[in-house]
């Protein structure tokens, strides 16, 4: 039996302009949802590789296998809004 998680996602352009512009490129519906899903998954992978998704006590030995350019871009994209 598979579980499903439903999220009602609302994003104002002022919250995160690059993400807003990227999602606006796709038509409302499945294509836009799939793009958001892809971006979220890519961000999770980068954070996991950088050791950022672990609990604070597990971060004593961070991994350094992530490409610093990709890591910085992901942290900028998924960072706090201005």
Protein backbone atom coordinates (compact mmCIF):
# COMPACT_ATOMS: atom_id res chain seq x y z
CA UNK A 1 0.00 0.00 0.00
CA UNK A 2 1.50 3.33 -1.03
CA UNK A 3 1.00 6.50 0.96
CA UNK A 4 0.22 9.87 -0.60
CA UNK A 5 1.11 13.28 0.71
CA UNK A 6 -0.93 16.18 -0.64
CA UNK A 7 0.34 19.74 -0.31
CA UNK A 8 -1.44 22.92 -1.28
CA UNK A 9 1.49 25.11 -2.36
CA UNK A 10 1.21 28.89 -2.63
CA UNK A 11 4.13 31.09 -3.65
CA UNK A 12 4.19 34.85 -4.04
CA UNK A 13 6.66 36.29 -6.52
CA UNK A 14 8.15 38.46 -3.77
CA UNK A 15 8.89 35.38 -1.63
CA UNK A 16 11.30 33.77 -4.08
CA UNK A 17 11.48 35.42 -7.53
CA UNK A 18 13.74 32.81 -9.23
CA UNK A 19 11.55 29.92 -8.09
CA UNK A 20 8.39 31.80 -9.01
CA UNK A 21 9.71 32.57 -12.51
CA UNK A 22 10.83 28.97 -13.03
CA UNK A 23 7.44 27.55 -12.06
CA UNK A 24 5.59 30.15 -14.12
CA UNK A 25 7.24 28.73 -17.25
CA UNK A 26 5.01 25.65 -16.94
CA UNK A 27 1.27 25.43 -17.38
CA UNK A 28 -0.88 25.13 -14.29
CA UNK A 29 -1.29 21.55 -13.20
CA UNK A 30 0.80 18.42 -13.55
CA UNK A 31 3.74 19.96 -15.41
CA UNK A 32 4.20 22.69 -12.82
CA UNK A 33 3.79 20.24 -9.94
CA UNK A 34 6.33 17.89 -11.51
CA UNK A 35 8.85 20.73 -11.89
CA UNK A 36 8.42 21.70 -8.24
CA UNK A 37 8.82 18.04 -7.27
CA UNK A 38 12.02 17.80 -9.33
CA UNK A 39 13.49 20.96 -7.81
CA UNK A 40 12.64 19.83 -4.28
CA UNK A 41 14.19 16.41 -4.87
CA UNK A 42 17.36 17.92 -6.35
CA UNK A 43 17.66 20.23 -3.35
CA UNK A 44 17.21 17.31 -0.97
CA UNK A 45 19.94 15.32 -2.74
CA UNK A 46 22.38 18.24 -2.57
CA UNK A 47 21.63 18.87 1.10
CA UNK A 48 22.03 15.19 1.91
CA UNK A 49 25.37 15.05 0.11
CA UNK A 50 26.51 18.15 1.99
CA UNK A 51 25.45 16.66 5.32
CA UNK A 52 22.87 19.39 5.91
CA UNK A 53 19.85 17.12 6.20
CA UNK A 54 21.21 15.28 9.26
CA UNK A 55 20.40 16.00 12.86
CA UNK A 56 22.80 18.48 14.55
CA UNK A 57 24.53 15.75 16.57
CA UNK A 58 25.22 13.77 13.38
CA UNK A 59 26.92 16.71 11.63
CA UNK A 60 30.25 16.29 13.42
CA UNK A 61 31.80 14.83 10.27
CA UNK A 62 30.20 16.57 7.27
CA UNK A 63 30.66 15.03 3.84
CA UNK A 64 32.54 17.02 1.26
CA UNK A 65 31.54 15.07 -1.86
CA UNK A 66 29.05 17.67 -3.13
CA UNK A 67 30.11 20.04 -5.88
CA UNK A 68 30.49 23.43 -4.13
CA UNK A 69 28.89 25.24 -7.08
CA UNK A 70 25.78 23.06 -7.00
CA UNK A 71 25.63 23.22 -3.22
CA UNK A 72 25.76 27.03 -3.20
CA UNK A 73 23.14 27.29 -5.95
CA UNK A 74 20.78 24.94 -4.13
CA UNK A 75 21.19 26.70 -0.82
CA UNK A 76 20.49 30.00 -2.54
CA UNK A 77 17.39 28.61 -4.30
CA UNK A 78 15.92 26.93 -1.24
CA UNK A 79 17.19 29.46 1.31
CA UNK A 80 15.08 31.92 3.23
CA UNK A 81 13.18 34.52 1.26
CA UNK A 82 14.38 38.08 1.05
